[in-house]
């Protein structure tokens, strides 16, 4: 669905923002799924991808991407960016057209409170 929608929408550079923070481990994408998605993306879409931003990356996601790095192009790997807070995301992209689900906002607030307590 996402890829077919992107093919219709993308004429210029674009970014993908993946909100990972409130995702339960059992619902996180696996290595096979990520590889299949990467292979399904047309060359034009890969070329126009400006950045792939992962918000609240878990150690699991970081590990999967580290393991897959040798199998994907270095150009694509260089587009992957990790963002630890929604405040960092706001510094990178204009947020007026981005809908952040309440569960992600709550997760971000809790994470920031824990960080301040340390």
Protein backbone atom coordinates (compact mmCIF):
# COMPACT_ATOMS: atom_id res chain seq x y z
CA UNK A 1 0.00 0.00 0.00
CA UNK A 2 2.69 2.49 1.01
CA UNK A 3 4.81 1.85 -2.06
CA UNK A 4 1.88 2.09 -4.50
CA UNK A 5 0.81 5.35 -2.81
CA UNK A 6 4.35 6.74 -3.01
CA UNK A 7 4.51 5.95 -6.72
CA UNK A 8 1.44 8.13 -7.27
CA UNK A 9 2.58 10.97 -5.02
CA UNK A 10 6.32 11.27 -5.47
CA UNK A 11 7.53 13.52 -8.24
CA UNK A 12 10.30 15.20 -6.27
CA UNK A 13 12.44 14.59 -3.20
CA UNK A 14 10.62 13.22 -0.16
CA UNK A 15 11.28 11.95 3.37
CA UNK A 16 9.88 9.00 5.27
CA UNK A 17 9.37 9.36 9.01
CA UNK A 18 9.00 6.08 10.91
CA UNK A 19 7.57 6.50 14.41
CA UNK A 20 8.97 3.54 16.31
CA UNK A 21 8.66 4.53 19.98
CA UNK A 22 5.31 3.11 21.07
CA UNK A 23 5.56 0.01 18.87
CA UNK A 24 5.43 -3.24 20.87
CA UNK A 25 8.31 -5.59 20.05
CA UNK A 26 5.95 -8.22 18.62
CA UNK A 27 4.70 -5.67 16.05
CA UNK A 28 8.10 -4.36 14.93
CA UNK A 29 9.09 -5.18 11.37
CA UNK A 30 11.48 -8.08 10.95
CA UNK A 31 14.57 -8.34 8.82
CA UNK A 32 12.78 -10.22 6.02
CA UNK A 33 9.99 -7.69 5.85
CA UNK A 34 12.40 -4.76 5.67
CA UNK A 35 14.43 -6.45 2.93
CA UNK A 36 11.28 -7.16 0.92
CA UNK A 37 10.15 -3.53 1.23
CA UNK A 38 13.54 -2.24 0.13
CA UNK A 39 13.52 -4.54 -2.91
CA UNK A 40 9.98 -3.45 -3.84
CA UNK A 41 10.89 0.24 -3.97
CA UNK A 42 11.46 1.35 -7.54
CA UNK A 43 14.85 2.90 -8.34
CA UNK A 44 13.21 6.30 -8.97
CA UNK A 45 11.66 6.25 -5.49
CA UNK A 46 14.94 5.22 -3.85
CA UNK A 47 16.73 7.99 -5.74
CA UNK A 48 14.23 10.68 -4.69
CA UNK A 49 14.25 9.65 -1.04
CA UNK A 50 15.98 12.51 0.77
CA UNK A 51 16.03 10.85 4.20
CA UNK A 52 14.53 7.99 6.18
CA UNK A 53 14.02 9.30 9.71
CA UNK A 54 13.47 6.85 12.56
CA UNK A 55 11.96 8.52 15.62
CA UNK A 56 12.60 6.86 19.01
CA UNK A 57 14.75 4.05 17.56
CA UNK A 58 14.98 0.95 19.70
CA UNK A 59 18.12 -1.16 20.02
CA UNK A 60 16.27 -3.79 17.95
CA UNK A 61 15.77 -1.44 14.98
CA UNK A 62 19.35 -0.14 15.24
CA UNK A 63 20.63 -3.73 15.27
CA UNK A 64 18.54 -4.79 12.27
CA UNK A 65 19.77 -1.82 10.27
CA UNK A 66 23.37 -2.42 11.30
CA UNK A 67 23.10 -6.06 10.19
CA UNK A 68 21.50 -5.16 6.86
CA UNK A 69 23.86 -2.29 6.06
CA UNK A 70 26.29 -4.48 4.04
CA UNK A 71 23.39 -5.67 1.85
CA UNK A 72 21.92 -2.30 0.94
CA UNK A 73 23.48 0.52 -1.00
CA UNK A 74 25.71 2.97 0.81
CA UNK A 75 23.65 5.81 -0.67
CA UNK A 76 20.51 4.45 0.99
CA UNK A 77 22.34 3.77 4.26
CA UNK A 78 23.53 7.36 4.39
CA UNK A 79 19.91 8.54 4.22
CA UNK A 80 18.95 6.80 7.48
CA UNK A 81 18.78 9.19 10.42
CA UNK A 82 17.94 8.45 14.04
CA UNK A 83 15.95 11.00 16.05
CA UNK A 84 15.50 10.46 19.79
CA UNK A 85 12.79 13.04 20.52
CA UNK A 86 9.97 14.87 18.80
CA UNK A 87 11.80 18.12 19.56
CA UNK A 88 14.73 16.89 17.44
CA UNK A 89 12.26 16.00 14.67
CA UNK A 90 10.81 19.53 14.80
CA UNK A 91 14.30 20.90 14.17
CA UNK A 92 14.61 18.78 11.02
CA UNK A 93 11.24 19.12 9.33
CA UNK A 94 8.24 21.48 9.37
CA UNK A 95 5.61 19.85 11.57
CA UNK A 96 2.46 21.63 10.35
CA UNK A 97 1.69 18.79 7.90
CA UNK A 98 2.78 15.93 10.17
CA UNK A 99 0.27 14.11 12.35
CA UNK A 100 1.87 12.57 15.41
CA UNK A 101 -0.42 10.04 17.14
CA UNK A 102 -1.22 10.68 20.80
CA UNK A 103 0.54 7.44 21.82
CA UNK A 104 3.80 8.73 20.33
CA UNK A 105 3.44 12.14 22.00
CA UNK A 106 2.83 10.41 25.34
CA UNK A 107 5.80 8.08 24.80
CA UNK A 108 8.01 11.07 23.98
CA UNK A 109 6.90 12.96 27.09
CA UNK A 110 7.56 9.93 29.32
CA UNK A 111 10.96 9.40 27.75
CA UNK A 112 11.93 13.05 28.24
CA UNK A 113 10.81 12.93 31.90
CA UNK A 114 12.94 9.80 32.48
CA UNK A 115 15.93 11.51 30.83
CA UNK A 116 15.56 14.58 33.07
CA UNK A 117 15.37 12.39 36.17
CA UNK A 118 18.76 10.84 35.33
